[in-house]
């Protein structure tokens, strides 16, 4: 027994220690609740955290300290300054897009629509892997990639080897990995890139804890930019279940997009902001390495890049989705692996379905997270009761994210249709406004429909009803 513990046992009664601990815990919970309310979260999110903090403080307080951060004002301030060249790009490539959703996103802190782009859909993991390999091989000046997951499998090793080879040849290679999504592969696995002269960054390491962020704030963006003029975005991580040179029986269904033109420069700026936050390098140096000199028109596609997360002052992605739903007149197609909407989105979909709009939701029959499948039951039951349609993809895991409204506007990118993607994660999306490209995305959705089946809703018993109610109450924390 140490001298300190002997002193405490001798002079401080056990009851007093317990009382002091209780008071300290109460004060900490009080300040956390005050902080929680001041963050202006979605009401359901705030209520869920309040329940856990108040009724299970021994669990809720440390969980909130670890996972509760959302908008970090200092982080936002530091990162927003890096996007100073984006308004010039947007002004140079202004479009005639005048839809409410475009105005909503721009007003909420997002970028304006851009013309002069060319986009290509990457429908399969084999196509995306081949495109990624080709772009890496043909890059002349720079390769900037950010991903949530880099797996230590054949797909991950192949990409690491190719990036290392290009770095040795003088191409500036920067690879940004999320520290939670890549707990092992962000270290020695990518040393070949470092030894070849490339750079690897780890986004918000959880250990050791620092004052710069929260373990809950993950970079879920998937972006690859080549020479600053062409970019790839979508839902696929760099792992065998997402992409690979050869077909794989357990490969997930997903969707990626190649964009060439001014929008690629904007996506490059998003990478610059993330990279400079991690590396503390000056943004001018990172932009100089790309040597793009800007990207002139490559096509006639009008798109709008939407970044969301703690580095964006508002919620342009969320408000854009709400605007897409509310402007719909005929059809709404939603493809997502997880469906845990907030009350505003759910009610908007229900109102549209009751008004005669054809609302169709496509989700995997069984996702890789069974708890989210259980949590979605209550939401989809309400939507179908209102006249919405639910289709279950039975061809394995569906990881794609897409929204198509009235065959007039579509959204693709990294965000899932859940509260974590909409309000917590760093995400990247892109709205497409040009008729031909929207039709191509809709055609891809039609392919999915042919592989889907209708759900069967069993009448819930008392236990399942109670479990669904609890899941819905705590859904913001999933």
Protein backbone atom coordinates (compact mmCIF):
# COMPACT_ATOMS: atom_id res chain seq x y z
CA UNK A 1 0.00 0.00 0.00
CA UNK A 2 1.44 3.39 -1.00
CA UNK A 3 1.87 6.33 1.35
CA UNK A 4 -0.85 8.24 -0.52
CA UNK A 5 -3.39 5.43 -0.14
CA UNK A 6 -2.48 5.06 3.57
CA UNK A 7 -3.04 8.78 4.08
CA UNK A 8 -6.43 8.64 2.33
CA UNK A 9 -7.53 5.62 4.34
CA UNK A 10 -6.48 7.30 7.60
CA UNK A 11 -7.80 10.83 7.19
CA UNK A 12 -10.53 10.68 4.51
CA UNK A 13 -13.63 8.68 5.41
CA UNK A 14 -14.92 6.32 2.73
CA UNK A 15 -18.33 8.01 2.78
CA UNK A 16 -16.76 11.37 2.06
CA UNK A 17 -14.86 9.97 -0.90
CA UNK A 18 -18.05 8.50 -2.30
CA UNK A 19 -19.84 11.81 -1.78
CA UNK A 20 -17.07 13.79 -3.50
CA UNK A 21 -17.11 11.34 -6.42
CA UNK A 22 -20.87 11.71 -6.73
CA UNK A 23 -20.64 15.51 -6.71
CA UNK A 24 -17.84 15.46 -9.29
CA UNK A 25 -19.83 13.10 -11.48
CA UNK A 26 -22.94 15.27 -11.21
CA UNK A 27 -20.99 18.43 -12.13
CA UNK A 28 -19.35 16.69 -15.08
CA UNK A 29 -22.71 15.38 -16.29
CA UNK A 30 -24.22 18.87 -15.86
CA UNK A 31 -21.53 20.50 -18.01
CA UNK A 32 -21.80 17.75 -20.62
CA UNK A 33 -25.56 18.23 -20.84
CA UNK A 34 -25.06 22.01 -21.21
CA UNK A 35 -22.53 21.39 -23.98
CA UNK A 36 -24.82 18.87 -25.65
CA UNK A 37 -27.73 21.32 -25.74
CA UNK A 38 -25.52 24.14 -27.06
CA UNK A 39 -24.36 22.04 -30.05
CA UNK A 40 -27.74 22.37 -31.79
CA UNK A 41 -27.93 18.73 -32.77
CA UNK A 42 -30.98 17.04 -34.21
CA UNK A 43 -33.55 16.71 -31.39
CA UNK A 44 -33.53 12.91 -31.55
CA UNK A 45 -29.74 12.86 -31.26
CA UNK A 46 -29.77 15.22 -28.28
CA UNK A 47 -32.49 13.23 -26.53
CA UNK A 48 -30.67 9.93 -27.02
CA UNK A 49 -27.47 11.28 -25.48
CA UNK A 50 -29.40 12.87 -22.61
CA UNK A 51 -30.99 9.53 -21.78
CA UNK A 52 -27.64 7.74 -21.66
CA UNK A 53 -25.87 10.49 -19.68
CA UNK A 54 -28.65 10.95 -17.11
CA UNK A 55 -29.78 7.37 -16.54
CA UNK A 56 -26.50 5.50 -17.13
CA UNK A 57 -23.88 8.15 -16.23
CA UNK A 58 -21.10 5.64 -15.61
CA UNK A 59 -21.49 4.62 -19.27
CA UNK A 60 -22.89 7.79 -20.86
CA UNK A 61 -20.27 10.26 -19.56
CA UNK A 62 -17.16 8.41 -20.82
CA UNK A 63 -18.94 7.49 -24.07
CA UNK A 64 -19.81 11.11 -24.73
CA UNK A 65 -16.27 12.24 -23.92
CA UNK A 66 -14.98 9.64 -26.37
CA UNK A 67 -17.63 9.73 -29.08
CA UNK A 68 -19.88 12.73 -28.58
CA UNK A 69 -18.11 15.50 -30.46
CA UNK A 70 -19.81 16.79 -33.59
CA UNK A 71 -19.03 20.30 -34.79
CA UNK A 72 -15.60 21.45 -33.59
CA UNK A 73 -15.44 25.22 -34.02
CA UNK A 74 -11.65 25.43 -33.99
CA UNK A 75 -11.37 22.53 -36.45
CA UNK A 76 -13.90 24.16 -38.77
CA UNK A 77 -12.10 27.49 -38.61
CA UNK A 78 -8.71 25.95 -39.36
CA UNK A 79 -9.95 23.89 -42.29
CA UNK A 80 -12.33 26.33 -43.95
CA UNK A 81 -9.53 28.76 -44.68
CA UNK A 82 -7.98 26.16 -46.97
CA UNK A 83 -10.85 26.30 -49.45
CA UNK A 84 -10.26 29.90 -50.45
CA UNK A 85 -9.72 29.11 -54.15
CA UNK A 86 -13.02 27.29 -54.57
CA UNK A 87 -15.18 30.42 -55.07
CA UNK A 88 -12.95 31.38 -58.01
CA UNK A 89 -13.48 27.96 -59.60
CA UNK A 90 -17.23 28.17 -59.09
CA UNK A 91 -17.40 31.67 -60.56
CA UNK A 92 -15.40 30.63 -63.63
CA UNK A 93 -17.67 27.65 -64.35
CA UNK A 94 -21.07 29.00 -63.33
CA UNK A 95 -24.09 27.04 -64.55
CA UNK A 96 -27.73 27.67 -65.28
CA UNK A 97 -28.88 25.17 -62.64
CA UNK A 98 -31.70 26.85 -60.77
CA UNK A 99 -33.24 24.01 -58.76
CA UNK A 100 -34.18 24.56 -55.09
CA UNK A 101 -31.76 21.84 -53.98
CA UNK A 102 -28.79 23.62 -55.61
CA UNK A 103 -29.69 26.89 -53.86
CA UNK A 104 -30.22 25.10 -50.55
CA UNK A 105 -26.81 23.44 -50.62
CA UNK A 106 -24.98 26.62 -51.57
CA UNK A 107 -26.81 28.61 -48.88
CA UNK A 108 -26.05 25.96 -46.24
CA UNK A 109 -22.28 26.26 -46.74
CA UNK A 110 -21.78 23.98 -49.74
CA UNK A 111 -20.22 24.69 -53.11
CA UNK A 112 -22.13 26.09 -56.08
CA UNK A 113 -22.92 23.90 -59.13
CA UNK A 114 -20.22 23.63 -61.78
CA UNK A 115 -20.48 23.08 -65.51
CA UNK A 116 -17.92 21.70 -67.96
CA UNK A 117 -17.53 18.24 -66.43
CA UNK A 118 -17.49 14.69 -67.76
CA UNK A 119 -18.53 11.81 -65.51
CA UNK A 120 -18.37 8.05 -65.94
CA UNK A 121 -20.10 5.50 -63.75
CA UNK A 122 -18.06 2.64 -62.31
CA UNK A 123 -20.72 -0.02 -61.91
CA UNK A 124 -18.60 -2.92 -60.68
CA UNK A 125 -15.66 -3.42 -58.37
CA UNK A 126 -13.62 -4.84 -61.24
CA UNK A 127 -14.20 -1.71 -63.34
CA UNK A 128 -13.31 0.59 -60.46
CA UNK A 129 -10.13 -1.31 -59.65
CA UNK A 130 -9.03 -1.24 -63.28
CA UNK A 131 -9.76 2.51 -63.47
CA UNK A 132 -7.86 3.19 -60.26
CA UNK A 133 -4.87 1.22 -61.52
CA UNK A 134 -4.95 3.02 -64.88
CA UNK A 135 -5.19 6.47 -63.31
CA UNK A 136 -2.32 5.69 -60.93
CA UNK A 137 -0.16 4.48 -63.82
CA UNK A 138 -0.94 7.47 -66.08
CA UNK A 139 -0.58 10.22 -63.46
CA UNK A 140 2.21 12.65 -64.37
CA UNK A 141 2.54 14.89 -61.33
CA UNK A 142 0.44 13.89 -58.33
CA UNK A 143 -1.76 11.17 -56.85
CA UNK A 144 -3.87 12.16 -53.85
CA UNK A 145 -6.04 9.44 -52.28
CA UNK A 146 -8.15 9.38 -49.15
CA UNK A 147 -10.04 6.28 -48.03
CA UNK A 148 -11.78 5.04 -44.92
CA UNK A 149 -10.53 1.46 -45.29
CA UNK A 150 -7.32 0.12 -46.83
CA UNK A 151 -7.31 -3.63 -46.35
CA UNK A 152 -4.23 -5.79 -45.94
CA UNK A 153 -5.45 -8.14 -48.68
CA UNK A 154 -4.54 -8.66 -52.33
CA UNK A 155 -6.40 -5.50 -53.40
CA UNK A 156 -4.75 -3.32 -50.78
CA UNK A 157 -1.27 -4.76 -51.45
CA UNK A 158 -1.62 -4.18 -55.19
CA UNK A 159 -2.55 -0.52 -54.74
CA UNK A 160 0.24 0.06 -52.19
CA UNK A 161 2.79 -1.48 -54.56
CA UNK A 162 1.62 0.64 -57.48
CA UNK A 163 1.66 3.83 -55.40
CA UNK A 164 5.18 3.03 -54.18
CA UNK A 165 6.33 2.43 -57.74
CA UNK A 166 4.97 5.77 -58.93
CA UNK A 167 6.51 7.55 -55.94
CA UNK A 168 9.92 6.11 -56.87
CA UNK A 169 9.37 7.44 -60.41
CA UNK A 170 8.95 10.97 -59.08
CA UNK A 171 5.18 11.32 -58.88
CA UNK A 172 4.04 13.03 -55.68
CA UNK A 173 1.97 10.43 -53.82
CA UNK A 174 -0.11 11.28 -50.77
CA UNK A 175 -2.31 8.67 -49.11
CA UNK A 176 -4.67 9.73 -46.30
CA UNK A 177 -6.12 6.93 -44.15
CA UNK A 178 -8.67 7.14 -41.38
CA UNK A 179 -7.02 5.98 -38.15
CA UNK A 180 -10.08 3.98 -37.03
CA UNK A 181 -10.94 2.54 -40.44
CA UNK A 182 -7.29 1.51 -40.97
CA UNK A 183 -6.01 0.59 -37.48
CA UNK A 184 -3.35 -1.80 -38.82
CA UNK A 185 -2.81 -0.95 -42.48
CA UNK A 186 -1.96 2.71 -41.77
CA UNK A 187 1.37 1.71 -40.19
CA UNK A 188 3.96 -0.77 -41.48
CA UNK A 189 1.75 -2.02 -44.29
CA UNK A 190 2.21 1.27 -46.18
CA UNK A 191 5.91 1.67 -45.40
CA UNK A 192 6.81 0.85 -49.05
CA UNK A 193 5.13 4.15 -50.03
CA UNK A 194 7.05 6.06 -47.36
CA UNK A 195 10.38 4.48 -48.33
CA UNK A 196 9.74 5.37 -51.98
CA UNK A 197 9.30 9.04 -51.12
CA UNK A 198 5.51 9.15 -50.83
CA UNK A 199 3.59 10.38 -47.81
CA UNK A 200 0.98 8.66 -45.68
CA UNK A 201 -1.25 10.51 -43.21
CA UNK A 202 -3.43 9.13 -40.40
CA UNK A 203 -6.65 11.05 -39.83
CA UNK A 204 -7.42 11.76 -36.16
CA UNK A 205 -5.58 8.96 -34.35
CA UNK A 206 -7.59 7.77 -31.36
CA UNK A 207 -4.57 6.91 -29.24
CA UNK A 208 -3.05 8.91 -27.80
CA UNK A 209 -6.07 11.17 -27.33
CA UNK A 210 -5.46 14.73 -28.37
CA UNK A 211 -7.42 17.95 -28.10
CA UNK A 212 -7.76 18.18 -31.88
CA UNK A 213 -10.81 15.99 -32.25
CA UNK A 214 -12.94 13.10 -31.14
CA UNK A 215 -12.78 9.37 -31.70
CA UNK A 216 -16.25 9.67 -33.16
CA UNK A 217 -15.26 12.09 -35.94
CA UNK A 218 -14.20 9.77 -38.72
CA UNK A 219 -13.17 10.61 -42.27
CA UNK A 220 -15.56 8.48 -44.33
CA UNK A 221 -14.71 10.26 -47.60
CA UNK A 222 -13.41 8.25 -50.54
CA UNK A 223 -11.59 10.51 -52.99
CA UNK A 224 -8.78 9.91 -55.47
CA UNK A 225 -7.42 12.88 -57.45
CA UNK A 226 -4.92 12.57 -60.28
CA UNK A 227 -2.90 15.60 -61.46
CA UNK A 228 -5.64 17.79 -60.00
CA UNK A 229 -7.88 17.37 -63.05
CA UNK A 230 -9.58 13.97 -62.67
CA UNK A 231 -11.12 12.43 -59.57
CA UNK A 232 -12.85 9.28 -58.39
CA UNK A 233 -15.48 9.26 -55.65
CA UNK A 234 -18.15 6.84 -54.45
CA UNK A 235 -18.79 4.26 -51.79
CA UNK A 236 -15.94 1.81 -52.37
CA UNK A 237 -13.02 1.41 -50.01
CA UNK A 238 -9.75 -0.18 -51.08
CA UNK A 239 -10.41 -3.77 -50.09
CA UNK A 240 -11.25 -7.05 -51.83
CA UNK A 241 -14.92 -6.97 -50.84
CA UNK A 242 -15.24 -3.63 -52.64
CA UNK A 243 -12.94 -3.95 -55.68
CA UNK A 244 -10.33 -6.17 -57.29
CA UNK A 245 -8.79 -7.32 -60.53
CA UNK A 246 -10.84 -10.52 -60.69
CA UNK A 247 -14.45 -11.28 -59.75
CA UNK A 248 -14.96 -12.24 -56.13
CA UNK A 249 -18.00 -14.22 -54.96
CA UNK A 250 -18.41 -12.16 -51.78
CA UNK A 251 -17.87 -8.76 -53.41
CA UNK A 252 -20.29 -6.06 -52.29
CA UNK A 253 -22.50 -4.18 -54.72
CA UNK A 254 -21.43 -0.54 -54.87
CA UNK A 255 -21.16 2.48 -57.15
CA UNK A 256 -18.30 4.78 -58.07
CA UNK A 257 -17.90 7.78 -60.35
CA UNK A 258 -15.03 9.31 -62.32
CA UNK A 259 -15.34 13.07 -62.76
CA UNK A 260 -13.09 15.13 -65.03
CA UNK A 261 -13.17 18.90 -65.18
CA UNK A 262 -13.66 21.77 -62.71
CA UNK A 263 -15.44 19.57 -60.16
CA UNK A 264 -12.24 17.52 -59.83
CA UNK A 265 -10.43 20.68 -58.73
CA UNK A 266 -13.04 21.25 -56.03
CA UNK A 267 -12.64 17.65 -54.87
CA UNK A 268 -8.92 18.28 -54.83
CA UNK A 269 -9.50 21.20 -52.48
CA UNK A 270 -11.41 18.94 -50.12
CA UNK A 271 -8.40 16.63 -50.06
CA UNK A 272 -6.07 19.58 -49.50
CA UNK A 273 -8.10 20.66 -46.47
CA UNK A 274 -8.04 17.17 -44.96
CA UNK A 275 -4.37 16.58 -45.72
CA UNK A 276 -3.16 19.90 -44.37
CA UNK A 277 -5.18 19.41 -41.20
CA UNK A 278 -3.37 16.11 -40.61
CA UNK A 279 0.12 17.01 -41.86
CA UNK A 280 0.09 20.76 -41.04
CA UNK A 281 1.69 21.39 -44.42
CA UNK A 282 0.90 24.69 -46.15
CA UNK A 283 -1.92 24.29 -48.69
CA UNK A 284 0.04 26.18 -51.36
CA UNK A 285 2.69 23.45 -51.42
CA UNK A 286 0.12 20.67 -51.77
CA UNK A 287 -1.68 22.50 -54.58
CA UNK A 288 1.63 23.19 -56.32
CA UNK A 289 2.48 19.47 -56.38
CA UNK A 290 -0.71 18.76 -58.33
CA UNK A 291 0.43 21.19 -61.07
CA UNK A 292 -3.06 21.17 -62.54
CA UNK A 293 -3.22 24.88 -63.24
CA UNK A 294 -6.96 24.49 -62.94
CA UNK A 295 -9.15 22.25 -65.01
CA UNK A 296 -10.89 23.54 -68.08
CA UNK A 297 -14.13 22.13 -69.48
CA UNK A 298 -14.04 18.39 -70.23
CA UNK A 299 -17.71 17.89 -71.04
CA UNK A 300 -21.15 19.38 -70.57
CA UNK A 301 -22.19 17.74 -67.31
CA UNK A 302 -23.35 20.04 -64.49
CA UNK A 303 -22.56 18.77 -61.00
CA UNK A 304 -22.37 20.08 -57.44
CA UNK A 305 -19.78 18.80 -54.97
CA UNK A 306 -21.07 18.55 -51.39
CA UNK A 307 -18.66 18.12 -48.49
CA UNK A 308 -20.11 17.65 -45.03
CA UNK A 309 -18.73 17.14 -41.57
CA UNK A 310 -17.26 19.08 -38.66
CA UNK A 311 -15.20 21.20 -41.08
CA UNK A 312 -18.34 22.63 -42.70
CA UNK A 313 -20.27 25.32 -40.76
CA UNK A 314 -23.74 24.11 -41.74
CA UNK A 315 -25.23 20.81 -42.87
CA UNK A 316 -25.35 21.16 -46.68
CA UNK A 317 -25.51 17.42 -47.34
CA UNK A 318 -28.42 16.88 -44.97
CA UNK A 319 -30.30 19.96 -46.11
CA UNK A 320 -29.65 19.01 -49.73
CA UNK A 321 -31.24 15.60 -49.18
CA UNK A 322 -34.24 17.21 -47.48
CA UNK A 323 -34.56 19.65 -50.39
CA UNK A 324 -34.36 16.82 -52.95
CA UNK A 325 -37.17 14.97 -51.20
CA UNK A 326 -39.35 18.03 -50.76
CA UNK A 327 -38.98 19.18 -54.38
CA UNK A 328 -39.94 15.72 -55.72
CA UNK A 329 -43.17 15.55 -57.70
CA UNK A 330 -43.19 12.08 -59.27
CA UNK A 331 -40.48 9.68 -58.09
CA UNK A 332 -37.90 9.28 -55.32
CA UNK A 333 -35.39 6.43 -55.47
CA UNK A 334 -33.10 5.87 -52.47
CA UNK A 335 -30.33 3.25 -52.45
CA UNK A 336 -28.49 2.83 -49.15
CA UNK A 337 -26.95 0.06 -47.03
CA UNK A 338 -28.43 1.47 -43.81
CA UNK A 339 -31.70 3.36 -43.33
CA UNK A 340 -31.84 5.25 -40.03
CA UNK A 341 -33.24 8.68 -40.95
CA UNK A 342 -34.08 11.52 -38.60
CA UNK A 343 -37.69 12.57 -38.07
CA UNK A 344 -37.55 15.39 -40.64
CA UNK A 345 -36.42 13.11 -43.48
CA UNK A 346 -38.78 10.30 -42.46
CA UNK A 347 -41.79 12.64 -42.28
CA UNK A 348 -40.86 14.25 -45.59
CA UNK A 349 -40.78 10.83 -47.27
CA UNK A 350 -44.08 9.84 -45.67
CA UNK A 351 -45.76 13.07 -46.79
CA UNK A 352 -44.50 12.59 -50.34
CA UNK A 353 -45.70 8.98 -50.42
CA UNK A 354 -49.15 9.99 -49.17
CA UNK A 355 -49.30 12.75 -51.77
CA UNK A 356 -48.89 10.19 -54.56
CA UNK A 357 -45.15 10.46 -55.19
CA UNK A 358 -43.61 7.03 -55.88
CA UNK A 359 -41.09 6.64 -53.04
CA UNK A 360 -38.90 3.54 -53.38
CA UNK A 361 -36.25 2.49 -50.87
CA UNK A 362 -33.67 -0.17 -51.80
CA UNK A 363 -31.63 -1.73 -48.98
CA UNK A 364 -29.76 -5.01 -48.56
CA UNK A 365 -31.84 -7.92 -47.33
CA UNK A 366 -29.08 -8.52 -44.76
CA UNK A 367 -26.37 -5.92 -44.23
CA UNK A 368 -23.00 -6.35 -42.54
CA UNK A 369 -24.42 -4.69 -39.39
CA UNK A 370 -27.42 -6.73 -38.14
CA UNK A 371 -28.24 -4.16 -35.45
CA UNK A 372 -28.93 -1.52 -38.10
CA UNK A 373 -31.18 -3.97 -39.97
CA UNK A 374 -33.19 -4.34 -36.78
CA UNK A 375 -33.20 -0.59 -36.14
CA UNK A 376 -34.59 0.17 -39.61
CA UNK A 377 -37.71 -1.97 -39.14
CA UNK A 378 -39.76 0.74 -37.47
CA UNK A 379 -38.85 3.32 -40.10
CA UNK A 380 -39.58 1.16 -43.13
CA UNK A 381 -42.86 -0.05 -41.62
CA UNK A 382 -44.06 3.56 -41.27
CA UNK A 383 -42.91 4.41 -44.79
CA UNK A 384 -44.64 1.43 -46.40
CA UNK A 385 -47.84 2.09 -44.46
CA UNK A 386 -47.87 5.57 -46.01
CA UNK A 387 -47.59 4.09 -49.51
CA UNK A 388 -43.84 3.91 -49.95
CA UNK A 389 -42.17 0.87 -51.50
CA UNK A 390 -39.40 -1.22 -49.93
CA UNK A 391 -37.17 -3.48 -52.04
CA UNK A 392 -34.64 -5.88 -50.52
CA UNK A 393 -31.46 -6.55 -52.47
CA UNK A 394 -30.76 -10.26 -52.24
CA UNK A 395 -27.48 -10.49 -54.12
CA UNK A 396 -25.26 -10.04 -51.06
CA UNK A 397 -24.22 -6.86 -49.30
CA UNK A 398 -25.43 -3.65 -50.97
CA UNK A 399 -23.06 -0.82 -50.04
CA UNK A 400 -23.98 1.72 -52.72
CA UNK A 401 -25.38 5.16 -51.91
CA UNK A 402 -27.56 6.97 -54.45
CA UNK A 403 -30.67 9.14 -54.64
CA UNK A 404 -32.58 9.91 -57.84
CA UNK A 405 -35.49 12.38 -57.86
CA UNK A 406 -37.91 12.83 -60.78
CA UNK A 407 -35.14 11.66 -63.15
CA UNK A 408 -34.01 15.26 -62.86
CA UNK A 409 -31.30 15.23 -60.20
CA UNK A 410 -29.21 12.46 -58.62
CA UNK A 411 -26.78 12.19 -55.74
CA UNK A 412 -23.88 9.75 -55.38
CA UNK A 413 -20.94 9.59 -53.01
CA UNK A 414 -19.87 8.24 -49.63
CA UNK A 415 -22.72 9.10 -47.19
CA UNK A 416 -25.07 6.44 -45.89
CA UNK A 417 -28.68 7.27 -45.11
CA UNK A 418 -28.15 7.37 -41.36
CA UNK A 419 -27.52 9.99 -38.72
CA UNK A 420 -23.81 9.27 -38.42
CA UNK A 421 -23.20 10.06 -42.09
CA UNK A 422 -25.58 13.00 -42.15
CA UNK A 423 -24.39 14.74 -38.99
CA UNK A 424 -21.10 13.31 -37.68
CA UNK A 425 -18.72 11.86 -40.27
CA UNK A 426 -16.62 13.73 -42.80
CA UNK A 427 -18.42 12.79 -46.02
CA UNK A 428 -18.32 13.69 -49.71
CA UNK A 429 -21.17 13.62 -52.19
CA UNK A 430 -21.91 14.92 -55.66
CA UNK A 431 -25.20 15.99 -57.18
CA UNK A 432 -25.68 15.45 -60.90
CA UNK A 433 -28.06 17.73 -62.81
CA UNK A 434 -27.54 16.85 -66.48
CA UNK A 435 -30.31 14.71 -68.01
CA UNK A 436 -28.14 12.08 -69.72
CA UNK A 437 -25.98 11.38 -66.66
CA UNK A 438 -28.99 11.29 -64.35
CA UNK A 439 -30.58 8.76 -66.74
CA UNK A 440 -27.44 6.60 -66.51
CA UNK A 441 -27.66 6.54 -62.72
CA UNK A 442 -31.36 5.72 -62.93
CA UNK A 443 -30.55 2.86 -65.33
CA UNK A 444 -28.10 1.49 -62.74
CA UNK A 445 -30.90 1.65 -60.14
CA UNK A 446 -33.17 -0.27 -62.52
CA UNK A 447 -30.53 -3.01 -62.69
CA UNK A 448 -30.66 -3.28 -58.91
CA UNK A 449 -34.44 -3.53 -58.95
CA UNK A 450 -34.26 -6.67 -61.06
CA UNK A 451 -32.21 -8.33 -58.31
CA UNK A 452 -34.52 -7.29 -55.48
CA UNK A 453 -37.46 -8.90 -53.75
CA UNK A 454 -40.41 -7.65 -51.75
CA UNK A 455 -40.32 -7.72 -47.94
CA UNK A 456 -42.58 -9.73 -45.67
CA UNK A 457 -43.54 -7.98 -42.46
CA UNK A 458 -44.22 -10.33 -39.56
CA UNK A 459 -46.52 -8.95 -36.90
CA UNK A 460 -44.24 -7.81 -34.06
CA UNK A 461 -44.73 -9.37 -30.63
CA UNK A 462 -44.33 -7.56 -27.33
CA UNK A 463 -40.60 -8.21 -27.06
CA UNK A 464 -39.76 -7.25 -30.65
CA UNK A 465 -41.95 -4.13 -30.40
CA UNK A 466 -40.15 -3.06 -27.24
CA UNK A 467 -36.76 -3.75 -28.82
CA UNK A 468 -37.70 -1.75 -31.92
CA UNK A 469 -38.83 1.16 -29.74
CA UNK A 470 -35.54 1.13 -27.84
CA UNK A 471 -33.56 0.93 -31.10
CA UNK A 472 -35.47 3.88 -32.50
CA UNK A 473 -34.86 5.88 -29.33
CA UNK A 474 -31.13 5.16 -29.45
CA UNK A 475 -30.83 5.18 -33.26
CA UNK A 476 -28.86 8.47 -33.27
CA UNK A 477 -26.06 6.70 -31.39
CA UNK A 478 -25.72 3.77 -33.82
